[in-house]
Amino acid sequence: MGQLDGKVAIVTGASRGIGKAISIGLARQGANLVLAARSVAGLKETQVAIFAYGVAAEVVPTDVTSEEQIESLFSKTMERFGRLDLLVNNAGLFINEPIEQMSAETWDHVLSVELRAPFLCTRAAFRIMKKQGGGRIINIGSISASRVRPNTAPYNCAKFGLVGLTHSTALEGRPFGITCGCLHPGITGNLALNAAKSVPDRMMAYEDTAATAVYMACQPPNVNILEVIQIPINQPYLGRG
């Protein structure tokens, strides 16, 4: 028996990387999944992996920059399962470009994926969870919310903003049993594919981050992990040296 048996979770960006690993980790704990991303092929790969754990998994292709598609995602979830216990806002976009060369369109697009989409998903989830008497929202942030990198200004700003959204959601959700936390991972990747190119102790596996997200998801209803920073031990973050 899993700690999330019978629960229903939506994971955005579930077609690959951290989102796929989180989806599989939640399935191991017994959660039924609604998988959202633009890549239908990637979502179906995640779905197949999840079926091995004997839970339900629905594929809902979704562009998180579209308010209409997000509303449809949550409507389809309720039509299929009748409830929503967990939302993982994971979908992301990373663009490397200096500020002086960046167009307003690029800025707007990154913030649309990284900050507007989590707001829209949170709003939809909040309305459902408030009626049913509780739920949990987990936002996937970044260490860029506290240690910025060059040439990634919109990403950095969006992750700072996601912290504010997390705290606001946790505060407003408290009277209704809705918790919200933010997981800030450092460098993650597929270690099996990157071992020849990267120093292993400067990168975490997707599954490492997923395990922390699942731990957050499995907390008792009266407990919230507000923020977690998870880094490879030798990633340049804590300071020089």
Protein backbone atom coordinates (compact mmCIF):
# COMPACT_ATOMS: atom_id res chain seq x y z
CA MET A 1 0.00 0.00 0.00
CA GLY A 2 1.23 3.48 -0.89
CA GLN A 3 0.92 6.67 1.07
CA LEU A 4 -1.11 8.24 -1.73
CA ASP A 5 -3.49 5.38 -2.50
CA GLY A 6 -6.63 6.69 -4.17
CA LYS A 7 -5.34 10.25 -4.44
CA VAL A 8 -5.49 12.18 -7.71
CA ALA A 9 -2.60 14.34 -8.90
CA ILE A 10 -2.02 16.65 -11.86
CA VAL A 11 1.60 17.07 -12.97
CA THR A 12 2.48 19.66 -15.61
CA GLY A 13 5.56 19.15 -17.75
CA ALA A 14 5.08 15.41 -17.22
CA SER A 15 6.47 14.30 -20.59
CA ARG A 16 10.14 14.29 -19.59
CA GLY A 17 12.78 15.11 -17.01
CA ILE A 18 11.75 16.07 -13.49
CA GLY A 19 8.04 16.01 -14.32
CA LYS A 20 8.20 12.47 -15.65
CA ALA A 21 10.21 11.30 -12.63
CA ILE A 22 7.78 12.95 -10.21
CA SER A 23 4.81 11.35 -11.97
CA ILE A 24 6.36 7.90 -11.69
CA GLY A 25 7.28 8.52 -8.05
CA LEU A 26 3.72 9.52 -7.19
CA ALA A 27 2.40 6.44 -8.99
CA ARG A 28 4.65 4.25 -6.84
CA GLN A 29 2.85 5.67 -3.83
CA GLY A 30 -0.54 4.79 -5.30
CA ALA A 31 -1.64 8.12 -6.79
CA ASN A 32 -3.71 8.30 -9.95
CA LEU A 33 -2.17 10.74 -12.41
CA VAL A 34 -3.29 13.34 -14.91
CA LEU A 35 -0.30 14.05 -17.14
CA ALA A 36 -0.05 17.44 -18.85
CA ALA A 37 2.47 18.74 -21.39
CA ARG A 38 2.61 19.63 -25.09
CA SER A 39 4.35 16.45 -26.23
CA VAL A 40 1.79 13.70 -26.71
CA ALA A 41 4.49 11.12 -27.43
CA GLY A 42 6.37 12.01 -24.24
CA LEU A 43 3.19 11.91 -22.16
CA LYS A 44 2.34 8.46 -23.47
CA GLU A 45 5.80 7.20 -22.53
CA THR A 46 5.23 8.46 -18.99
CA GLN A 47 1.76 6.90 -18.98
CA VAL A 48 3.14 3.49 -19.94
CA ALA A 49 5.71 3.67 -17.14
CA ILE A 50 2.99 4.57 -14.65
CA PHE A 51 0.69 1.70 -15.63
CA ALA A 52 3.30 -0.68 -14.20
CA TYR A 53 2.19 0.44 -10.73
CA GLY A 54 -1.46 -0.43 -11.23
CA VAL A 55 -2.83 3.10 -11.06
CA ALA A 56 -4.79 5.19 -13.54
CA ALA A 57 -3.02 7.72 -15.74
CA GLU A 58 -4.77 10.12 -18.08
CA VAL A 59 -2.92 12.00 -20.82
CA VAL A 60 -4.16 15.55 -21.40
CA PRO A 61 -2.02 17.46 -23.96
CA THR A 62 -1.80 21.02 -22.62
CA ASP A 63 -0.08 24.24 -23.55
CA VAL A 64 0.27 25.93 -20.17
CA THR A 65 0.45 29.37 -21.80
CA SER A 66 -3.22 28.95 -22.76
CA GLU A 67 -5.77 29.81 -20.09
CA GLU A 68 -8.43 27.89 -22.00
CA GLN A 69 -6.32 24.72 -22.17
CA ILE A 70 -5.52 24.92 -18.46
CA GLU A 71 -9.20 25.25 -17.62
CA SER A 72 -9.87 22.25 -19.85
CA LEU A 73 -7.15 20.25 -18.06
CA PHE A 74 -8.84 20.70 -14.71
CA SER A 75 -12.32 20.11 -16.11
CA LYS A 76 -11.20 16.82 -17.66
CA THR A 77 -9.59 15.81 -14.38
CA MET A 78 -12.84 16.32 -12.52
CA GLU A 79 -14.84 14.53 -15.22
CA ARG A 80 -12.53 11.52 -14.98
CA PHE A 81 -11.83 11.34 -11.24
CA GLY A 82 -14.25 13.71 -9.49
CA ARG A 83 -11.56 15.13 -7.22
CA LEU A 84 -8.07 16.64 -7.12
CA ASP A 85 -5.72 16.08 -4.19
CA LEU A 86 -2.38 17.27 -5.56
CA LEU A 87 -1.10 19.71 -8.17
CA VAL A 88 2.56 19.77 -9.16
CA ASN A 89 3.43 22.93 -11.11
CA ASN A 90 6.53 21.67 -12.91
CA ALA A 91 6.34 22.88 -16.53
CA GLY A 92 9.22 25.22 -17.28
CA LEU A 93 11.17 27.10 -19.93
CA PHE A 94 14.82 28.11 -19.83
CA ILE A 95 16.32 30.59 -22.32
CA ASN A 96 19.95 31.73 -22.23
CA GLU A 97 20.18 35.28 -23.58
CA PRO A 98 21.74 38.53 -22.34
CA ILE A 99 19.36 41.26 -21.17
CA GLU A 100 20.47 43.75 -23.81
CA GLN A 101 19.71 41.29 -26.61
CA MET A 102 16.43 40.00 -25.24
CA SER A 103 13.13 40.88 -26.88
CA ALA A 104 10.03 41.75 -24.89
CA GLU A 105 8.35 38.76 -26.53
CA THR A 106 10.99 36.39 -25.11
CA TRP A 107 10.63 37.94 -21.68
CA ASP A 108 6.85 37.61 -21.78
CA HIS A 109 7.00 34.02 -23.03
CA VAL A 110 9.31 32.82 -20.26
CA LEU A 111 7.21 34.50 -17.57
CA SER A 112 4.07 33.09 -19.14
CA VAL A 113 5.36 29.53 -18.75
CA GLU A 114 7.24 29.97 -15.48
CA LEU A 115 4.91 32.22 -13.48
CA ARG A 116 1.59 32.90 -15.20
CA ALA A 117 0.95 29.19 -15.80
CA PRO A 118 1.52 28.21 -12.15
CA PHE A 119 -0.89 30.98 -11.15
CA LEU A 120 -3.56 29.77 -13.57
CA CYS A 121 -3.13 26.16 -12.45
CA THR A 122 -3.11 27.17 -8.80
CA ARG A 123 -6.28 29.19 -9.26
CA ALA A 124 -8.07 26.26 -10.88
CA ALA A 125 -6.82 23.79 -8.26
CA PHE A 126 -7.66 26.13 -5.38
CA ARG A 127 -11.28 26.38 -6.48
CA ILE A 128 -11.60 22.58 -6.54
CA MET A 129 -9.69 21.95 -3.33
CA LYS A 130 -11.60 24.60 -1.41
CA LYS A 131 -14.90 22.89 -2.21
CA GLN A 132 -13.66 19.41 -1.34
CA GLY A 133 -12.04 20.47 1.93
CA GLY A 134 -8.32 20.49 1.19
CA GLY A 135 -5.46 19.56 -1.06
CA ARG A 136 -1.79 20.18 -1.74
CA ILE A 137 0.10 22.22 -4.32
CA ILE A 138 3.81 21.79 -4.99
CA ASN A 139 5.70 24.29 -7.12
CA ILE A 140 9.00 23.33 -8.73
CA GLY A 141 11.21 26.36 -8.33
CA SER A 142 14.97 26.67 -8.68
CA ILE A 143 18.03 27.79 -6.81
CA SER A 144 17.83 30.71 -9.23
CA ALA A 145 15.25 32.09 -6.81
CA SER A 146 18.12 32.90 -4.45
CA ARG A 147 21.32 32.69 -6.54
CA VAL A 148 20.79 34.10 -10.02
CA ARG A 149 22.74 33.13 -13.11
CA PRO A 150 23.78 35.49 -15.92
CA ASN A 151 21.82 35.65 -19.18
CA THR A 152 18.68 34.17 -17.61
CA ALA A 153 16.91 37.26 -16.27
CA PRO A 154 13.28 36.27 -16.99
CA TYR A 155 13.81 32.78 -15.57
CA ASN A 156 15.43 34.20 -12.44
CA CYS A 157 12.65 36.73 -11.94
CA ALA A 158 9.95 34.14 -12.50
CA LYS A 159 11.44 31.83 -9.87
CA PHE A 160 11.59 34.72 -7.38
CA GLY A 161 7.94 35.34 -8.19
CA LEU A 162 7.07 31.67 -7.74
CA VAL A 163 8.24 31.91 -4.13
CA GLY A 164 5.79 34.77 -3.61
CA LEU A 165 3.01 32.76 -5.23
CA THR A 166 3.86 29.79 -3.01
CA HIS A 167 3.70 31.82 0.19
CA SER A 168 0.51 33.60 -0.89
CA THR A 169 -1.18 30.30 -1.78
CA ALA A 170 -0.12 28.71 1.51
CA LEU A 171 -1.47 31.67 3.47
CA GLU A 172 -4.77 31.94 1.62
CA GLY A 173 -5.21 28.17 1.56
CA ARG A 174 -4.64 27.62 5.26
CA PRO A 175 -8.28 28.16 6.35
CA PHE A 176 -9.39 25.59 3.78
CA GLY A 177 -6.84 22.83 4.37
CA ILE A 178 -4.88 23.71 1.22
CA THR A 179 -1.10 23.55 1.58
CA CYS A 180 1.51 24.87 -0.84
CA GLY A 181 5.26 24.36 -0.92
CA CYS A 182 8.14 25.07 -3.27
CA LEU A 183 11.02 22.73 -4.15
CA HIS A 184 14.19 24.46 -5.39
CA PRO A 185 16.48 21.99 -7.18
CA GLY A 186 20.00 22.62 -8.34
CA ILE A 187 21.41 21.08 -11.51
CA THR A 188 19.52 17.96 -12.49
CA GLY A 189 19.82 15.60 -15.42
CA ASN A 190 19.93 12.05 -16.67
CA LEU A 191 23.16 10.85 -15.09
CA ALA A 192 23.29 7.77 -17.31
CA LEU A 193 23.41 9.97 -20.40
CA ASN A 194 25.56 12.74 -18.98
CA ALA A 195 28.20 10.78 -17.09
CA ALA A 196 30.76 11.27 -19.86
CA LYS A 197 30.19 15.01 -19.97
CA SER A 198 29.52 16.00 -16.36
CA VAL A 199 31.11 15.50 -12.98
CA PRO A 200 28.53 13.29 -11.20
CA ASP A 201 28.76 15.08 -7.85
CA ARG A 202 27.86 18.38 -9.54
CA MET A 203 24.56 17.00 -10.84
CA MET A 204 21.55 15.25 -9.33
CA ALA A 205 19.45 12.64 -11.08
CA TYR A 206 15.88 13.55 -11.96
CA GLU A 207 14.83 10.83 -9.56
CA ASP A 208 16.60 12.59 -6.66
CA THR A 209 14.45 15.67 -7.11
CA ALA A 210 11.37 13.54 -7.67
CA ALA A 211 11.95 11.71 -4.39
CA THR A 212 11.91 15.02 -2.52
CA ALA A 213 8.73 16.13 -4.28
CA VAL A 214 7.05 12.84 -3.38
CA TYR A 215 8.18 13.25 0.23
CA MET A 216 6.52 16.68 0.27
CA ALA A 217 3.37 15.20 -1.26
CA CYS A 218 3.17 12.47 1.39
CA GLN A 219 3.09 14.78 4.40
CA PRO A 220 0.04 14.61 6.67
CA PRO A 221 -2.74 17.08 5.76
CA ASN A 222 -1.85 19.29 8.75
CA VAL A 223 1.84 19.55 7.74
CA ASN A 224 3.31 21.73 5.01
CA ILE A 225 6.92 21.86 3.80
CA LEU A 226 7.03 25.47 2.68
CA GLU A 227 10.41 25.52 0.91
CA VAL A 228 13.20 23.05 0.20
CA ILE A 229 16.57 23.69 -1.45
CA GLN A 230 18.16 20.55 -2.88
CA ILE A 231 21.61 20.75 -4.48
CA PRO A 232 24.46 18.48 -5.55
CA ILE A 233 27.11 18.85 -2.88
CA ASN A 234 29.71 20.39 -5.22
CA GLN A 235 27.48 22.72 -7.19
CA PRO A 236 28.77 26.31 -6.93
CA TYR A 237 25.98 27.68 -4.73
CA LEU A 238 27.03 28.01 -1.11
CA GLY A 239 30.06 30.16 -1.84
CA ARG A 240 33.52 30.15 -3.36
CA GLY A 241 36.01 27.40 -2.73
